[in-house]
Amino acid sequence: MFTLPEKITVWNAATEDGLGGKTWSGPFVYPARIAFTQKKFTDKNGDSKMSTAVCYSKGAGLLIGAMVLLGESTDATPPSDANDVRALSQTPSGAGDLKKAWFA
C-alpha cells in the first residue's frame, strides 16, 4: 500500500476578472506524499522543465493550474509560497485514483 502521510492544501481558480484578479475555490486539504526532488517533466505547453518537488495524492481537486501549499492551511486564498501544478498524471492499475503532480 502506498501511504500518504503528509498533507497538501489546494486552491483552484474559480473566476478571473480579466485584469489579473482571481477568486479561488478552496482550500481543500488532501493526504499526500511529498518529495523535494528534481525530475524532468513536460508541461501542458510541451516545454521540458525540471521540478523542484513532486507529490502524490488522491485529491479530486488536484488539477493543472491549481495552487498547492505543501502542508495545511485554512487561508481563503493561496499564500505566496504556494506552488502551481505544472503537470499532472494519473497512476494506472492498482494505485486507483492516485495522481502525481509536478511543481517548478
N, C-alpha and C. Protein backbone atom coordinates (compact mmCIF):
# COMPACT_ATOMS: atom_id res chain seq x y z
N MET A 1 0.85 -1.19 0.00
CA MET A 1 0.00 0.00 0.00
C MET A 1 0.89 1.25 0.00
N PHE A 2 0.54 2.21 -0.79
CA PHE A 2 1.27 3.48 -0.89
C PHE A 2 0.68 4.42 0.14
N THR A 3 1.44 4.74 1.19
CA THR A 3 0.90 5.59 2.25
C THR A 3 1.05 7.07 1.88
N LEU A 4 0.13 7.86 2.38
CA LEU A 4 0.10 9.31 2.14
C LEU A 4 0.13 10.01 3.49
N PRO A 5 1.32 10.10 4.12
CA PRO A 5 1.40 10.60 5.49
C PRO A 5 1.41 12.12 5.65
N GLU A 6 1.58 12.85 4.56
CA GLU A 6 1.65 14.30 4.64
C GLU A 6 0.35 14.93 4.14
N LYS A 7 0.27 16.25 4.17
CA LYS A 7 -0.93 16.97 3.71
C LYS A 7 -0.54 18.03 2.69
N ILE A 8 -1.44 18.26 1.74
CA ILE A 8 -1.34 19.40 0.83
C ILE A 8 -2.64 20.17 0.91
N THR A 9 -2.56 21.46 0.62
CA THR A 9 -3.75 22.31 0.55
C THR A 9 -3.85 22.82 -0.88
N VAL A 10 -5.04 22.70 -1.47
CA VAL A 10 -5.25 23.01 -2.88
C VAL A 10 -6.30 24.11 -3.03
N TRP A 11 -6.00 25.08 -3.92
CA TRP A 11 -6.95 26.11 -4.34
C TRP A 11 -7.04 26.05 -5.86
N ASN A 12 -8.25 26.12 -6.40
CA ASN A 12 -8.45 26.20 -7.84
C ASN A 12 -9.05 27.55 -8.19
N ALA A 13 -8.61 28.10 -9.32
CA ALA A 13 -9.16 29.39 -9.76
C ALA A 13 -10.65 29.21 -10.05
N ALA A 14 -11.48 30.04 -9.46
CA ALA A 14 -12.92 29.97 -9.67
C ALA A 14 -13.36 30.93 -10.77
N THR A 15 -12.88 32.18 -10.68
CA THR A 15 -13.20 33.18 -11.71
C THR A 15 -12.00 34.09 -11.91
N GLU A 16 -11.91 34.67 -13.10
CA GLU A 16 -10.89 35.67 -13.40
C GLU A 16 -11.61 36.91 -13.90
N ASP A 17 -11.15 38.09 -13.47
CA ASP A 17 -11.83 39.32 -13.85
C ASP A 17 -11.29 39.95 -15.14
N GLY A 18 -10.29 39.29 -15.77
CA GLY A 18 -9.72 39.82 -17.00
C GLY A 18 -8.63 40.85 -16.77
N LEU A 19 -8.43 41.25 -15.53
CA LEU A 19 -7.40 42.24 -15.18
C LEU A 19 -6.34 41.64 -14.27
N GLY A 20 -6.27 40.33 -14.23
CA GLY A 20 -5.29 39.66 -13.38
C GLY A 20 -5.80 39.27 -12.02
N GLY A 21 -7.03 39.65 -11.69
CA GLY A 21 -7.62 39.29 -10.40
C GLY A 21 -8.33 37.95 -10.48
N LYS A 22 -8.22 37.16 -9.44
CA LYS A 22 -8.86 35.84 -9.39
C LYS A 22 -9.59 35.67 -8.08
N THR A 23 -10.63 34.85 -8.14
CA THR A 23 -11.22 34.32 -6.92
C THR A 23 -10.91 32.83 -6.91
N TRP A 24 -10.88 32.25 -5.73
CA TRP A 24 -10.43 30.86 -5.57
C TRP A 24 -11.48 30.00 -4.91
N SER A 25 -11.56 28.76 -5.34
CA SER A 25 -12.34 27.77 -4.60
C SER A 25 -11.36 27.00 -3.73
N GLY A 26 -11.78 26.70 -2.55
CA GLY A 26 -10.89 26.03 -1.61
C GLY A 26 -10.81 26.84 -0.34
N PRO A 27 -10.00 26.46 0.57
CA PRO A 27 -8.94 25.46 0.46
C PRO A 27 -9.47 24.03 0.66
N PHE A 28 -8.84 23.10 -0.02
CA PHE A 28 -9.13 21.68 0.12
C PHE A 28 -7.85 21.01 0.61
N VAL A 29 -7.93 20.30 1.70
CA VAL A 29 -6.77 19.61 2.26
C VAL A 29 -6.87 18.13 1.93
N TYR A 30 -5.79 17.59 1.37
CA TYR A 30 -5.75 16.18 0.96
C TYR A 30 -4.51 15.51 1.53
N PRO A 31 -4.62 14.21 1.82
CA PRO A 31 -3.41 13.46 2.18
C PRO A 31 -2.50 13.35 0.97
N ALA A 32 -1.19 13.32 1.20
CA ALA A 32 -0.24 13.31 0.09
C ALA A 32 1.07 12.67 0.52
N ARG A 33 1.88 12.38 -0.46
CA ARG A 33 3.29 12.01 -0.27
C ARG A 33 4.07 13.05 -1.05
N ILE A 34 4.95 13.81 -0.39
CA ILE A 34 5.69 14.91 -1.00
C ILE A 34 7.16 14.51 -1.11
N ALA A 35 7.76 14.81 -2.26
CA ALA A 35 9.19 14.58 -2.45
C ALA A 35 9.81 15.84 -3.04
N PHE A 36 10.82 16.36 -2.37
CA PHE A 36 11.57 17.51 -2.89
C PHE A 36 12.68 16.94 -3.77
N THR A 37 12.36 16.80 -5.05
CA THR A 37 13.27 16.14 -5.97
C THR A 37 13.24 16.82 -7.33
N GLN A 38 14.34 16.73 -8.01
CA GLN A 38 14.42 17.29 -9.36
C GLN A 38 14.16 16.17 -10.36
N LYS A 39 13.05 16.29 -11.06
CA LYS A 39 12.66 15.33 -12.09
C LYS A 39 12.28 16.10 -13.33
N LYS A 40 12.74 15.63 -14.46
CA LYS A 40 12.39 16.26 -15.73
C LYS A 40 10.96 15.88 -16.09
N PHE A 41 10.18 16.87 -16.54
CA PHE A 41 8.80 16.61 -16.97
C PHE A 41 8.46 17.54 -18.12
N THR A 42 7.38 17.24 -18.79
CA THR A 42 6.88 18.08 -19.89
C THR A 42 5.59 18.74 -19.42
N ASP A 43 5.53 20.08 -19.49
CA ASP A 43 4.33 20.79 -19.03
C ASP A 43 3.24 20.78 -20.09
N LYS A 44 2.10 21.40 -19.79
CA LYS A 44 0.95 21.37 -20.70
C LYS A 44 1.22 22.07 -22.02
N ASN A 45 2.25 22.92 -22.08
CA ASN A 45 2.62 23.61 -23.32
C ASN A 45 3.63 22.82 -24.14
N GLY A 46 4.06 21.66 -23.62
CA GLY A 46 5.03 20.84 -24.32
C GLY A 46 6.47 21.22 -24.02
N ASP A 47 6.69 22.11 -23.06
CA ASP A 47 8.05 22.54 -22.69
C ASP A 47 8.63 21.60 -21.65
N SER A 48 9.91 21.25 -21.80
CA SER A 48 10.61 20.44 -20.80
C SER A 48 11.02 21.33 -19.64
N LYS A 49 10.75 20.87 -18.45
CA LYS A 49 11.06 21.60 -17.22
C LYS A 49 11.71 20.65 -16.23
N MET A 50 12.31 21.22 -15.18
CA MET A 50 12.86 20.45 -14.08
C MET A 50 12.06 20.79 -12.83
N SER A 51 11.57 19.79 -12.14
CA SER A 51 10.75 20.03 -10.96
C SER A 51 11.58 20.45 -9.76
N THR A 52 10.94 21.15 -8.85
CA THR A 52 11.52 21.42 -7.54
C THR A 52 10.93 20.46 -6.51
N ALA A 53 9.74 19.94 -6.81
CA ALA A 53 9.07 18.97 -5.94
C ALA A 53 8.00 18.24 -6.75
N VAL A 54 7.63 17.08 -6.25
CA VAL A 54 6.50 16.33 -6.80
C VAL A 54 5.67 15.86 -5.61
N CYS A 55 4.41 15.57 -5.88
CA CYS A 55 3.61 14.97 -4.82
C CYS A 55 2.65 13.97 -5.42
N TYR A 56 2.27 13.01 -4.61
CA TYR A 56 1.26 12.02 -4.96
C TYR A 56 0.07 12.28 -4.04
N SER A 57 -1.13 12.24 -4.60
CA SER A 57 -2.33 12.47 -3.80
C SER A 57 -3.53 11.88 -4.52
N LYS A 58 -4.57 11.59 -3.75
CA LYS A 58 -5.84 11.16 -4.32
C LYS A 58 -6.83 12.32 -4.37
N GLY A 59 -6.35 13.53 -4.16
CA GLY A 59 -7.20 14.70 -4.10
C GLY A 59 -7.92 14.97 -5.41
N ALA A 60 -9.25 14.96 -5.36
CA ALA A 60 -10.07 15.17 -6.56
C ALA A 60 -9.85 16.57 -7.15
N GLY A 61 -9.54 17.55 -6.31
CA GLY A 61 -9.36 18.93 -6.78
C GLY A 61 -7.95 19.25 -7.22
N LEU A 62 -7.08 18.25 -7.26
CA LEU A 62 -5.71 18.47 -7.71
C LEU A 62 -5.71 18.49 -9.23
N LEU A 63 -5.61 19.70 -9.80
CA LEU A 63 -5.73 19.92 -11.24
C LEU A 63 -4.56 20.75 -11.75
N ILE A 64 -4.27 20.65 -13.05
CA ILE A 64 -3.26 21.52 -13.63
C ILE A 64 -3.71 22.97 -13.45
N GLY A 65 -2.81 23.82 -12.99
CA GLY A 65 -3.13 25.22 -12.74
C GLY A 65 -3.58 25.50 -11.32
N ALA A 66 -3.87 24.44 -10.54
CA ALA A 66 -4.22 24.63 -9.14
C ALA A 66 -3.01 25.17 -8.40
N MET A 67 -3.26 25.90 -7.34
CA MET A 67 -2.20 26.35 -6.44
C MET A 67 -2.17 25.41 -5.25
N VAL A 68 -0.96 24.96 -4.88
CA VAL A 68 -0.82 23.94 -3.85
C VAL A 68 0.20 24.38 -2.81
N LEU A 69 -0.20 24.33 -1.57
CA LEU A 69 0.71 24.53 -0.45
C LEU A 69 1.11 23.15 0.06
N LEU A 70 2.39 22.91 0.19
CA LEU A 70 2.87 21.63 0.71
C LEU A 70 2.78 21.68 2.23
N GLY A 71 1.58 21.40 2.73
CA GLY A 71 1.24 21.49 4.14
C GLY A 71 -0.23 21.85 4.25
N GLU A 72 -0.67 22.19 5.45
CA GLU A 72 -2.07 22.52 5.69
C GLU A 72 -2.28 24.02 5.87
N SER A 73 -3.42 24.51 5.36
CA SER A 73 -3.77 25.91 5.52
C SER A 73 -5.29 26.05 5.52
N THR A 74 -5.77 27.08 6.19
CA THR A 74 -7.20 27.42 6.16
C THR A 74 -7.43 28.76 5.47
N ASP A 75 -6.37 29.33 4.87
CA ASP A 75 -6.48 30.61 4.18
C ASP A 75 -7.46 30.52 3.02
N ALA A 76 -8.21 31.58 2.77
CA ALA A 76 -9.18 31.62 1.67
C ALA A 76 -8.51 31.74 0.31
N THR A 77 -7.29 32.27 0.28
CA THR A 77 -6.54 32.42 -0.97
C THR A 77 -5.16 31.78 -0.79
N PRO A 78 -4.54 31.35 -1.89
CA PRO A 78 -3.23 30.71 -1.78
C PRO A 78 -2.18 31.68 -1.24
N PRO A 79 -1.34 31.24 -0.30
CA PRO A 79 -0.27 32.10 0.19
C PRO A 79 0.84 32.23 -0.85
N SER A 80 1.75 33.15 -0.64
CA SER A 80 2.80 33.42 -1.62
C SER A 80 3.74 32.24 -1.82
N ASP A 81 3.83 31.34 -0.87
CA ASP A 81 4.72 30.19 -1.02
C ASP A 81 4.02 28.95 -1.60
N ALA A 82 2.77 29.12 -2.09
CA ALA A 82 2.08 28.02 -2.77
C ALA A 82 2.69 27.82 -4.16
N ASN A 83 2.65 26.60 -4.64
CA ASN A 83 3.19 26.23 -5.95
C ASN A 83 2.05 25.98 -6.92
N ASP A 84 2.28 26.26 -8.21
CA ASP A 84 1.26 25.92 -9.19
C ASP A 84 1.58 24.54 -9.78
N VAL A 85 0.52 23.77 -10.03
CA VAL A 85 0.67 22.44 -10.62
C VAL A 85 1.02 22.63 -12.09
N ARG A 86 2.20 22.19 -12.47
CA ARG A 86 2.70 22.38 -13.84
C ARG A 86 2.41 21.19 -14.73
N ALA A 87 2.29 20.00 -14.16
CA ALA A 87 1.96 18.79 -14.91
C ALA A 87 1.29 17.83 -13.94
N LEU A 88 0.50 16.92 -14.49
CA LEU A 88 -0.29 16.00 -13.68
C LEU A 88 -0.42 14.69 -14.42
N SER A 89 -0.33 13.59 -13.70
CA SER A 89 -0.61 12.29 -14.31
C SER A 89 -1.42 11.46 -13.33
N GLN A 90 -2.16 10.53 -13.87
CA GLN A 90 -2.94 9.60 -13.06
C GLN A 90 -2.22 8.26 -13.10
N THR A 91 -1.92 7.71 -11.93
CA THR A 91 -1.19 6.46 -11.85
C THR A 91 -2.13 5.31 -12.20
N PRO A 92 -1.71 4.44 -13.13
CA PRO A 92 -2.58 3.36 -13.58
C PRO A 92 -2.64 2.17 -12.63
N SER A 93 -3.45 1.22 -12.98
CA SER A 93 -3.62 -0.10 -12.37
C SER A 93 -3.96 -0.05 -10.90
N GLY A 94 -3.24 -0.79 -10.07
CA GLY A 94 -3.59 -0.99 -8.67
C GLY A 94 -3.60 0.24 -7.80
N ALA A 95 -3.04 1.35 -8.27
CA ALA A 95 -2.99 2.57 -7.45
C ALA A 95 -4.31 3.33 -7.46
N GLY A 96 -5.25 2.93 -8.30
CA GLY A 96 -6.56 3.58 -8.32
C GLY A 96 -6.51 5.02 -8.79
N ASP A 97 -7.02 5.93 -7.98
CA ASP A 97 -7.13 7.33 -8.38
C ASP A 97 -5.93 8.17 -7.91
N LEU A 98 -4.80 7.55 -7.67
CA LEU A 98 -3.61 8.28 -7.24
C LEU A 98 -3.07 9.15 -8.36
N LYS A 99 -2.83 10.45 -8.04
CA LYS A 99 -2.32 11.41 -9.02
C LYS A 99 -0.91 11.82 -8.62
N LYS A 100 -0.09 12.15 -9.63
CA LYS A 100 1.24 12.70 -9.41
C LYS A 100 1.25 14.10 -9.98
N ALA A 101 1.69 15.08 -9.19
CA ALA A 101 1.77 16.47 -9.62
C ALA A 101 3.21 16.94 -9.56
N TRP A 102 3.61 17.74 -10.55
CA TRP A 102 4.96 18.31 -10.61
C TRP A 102 4.87 19.81 -10.36
N PHE A 103 5.83 20.33 -9.61
CA PHE A 103 5.92 21.76 -9.32
C PHE A 103 7.29 22.25 -9.79
N ALA A 104 7.32 23.46 -10.38
CA ALA A 104 8.60 24.01 -10.85
C ALA A 104 8.81 25.39 -10.26
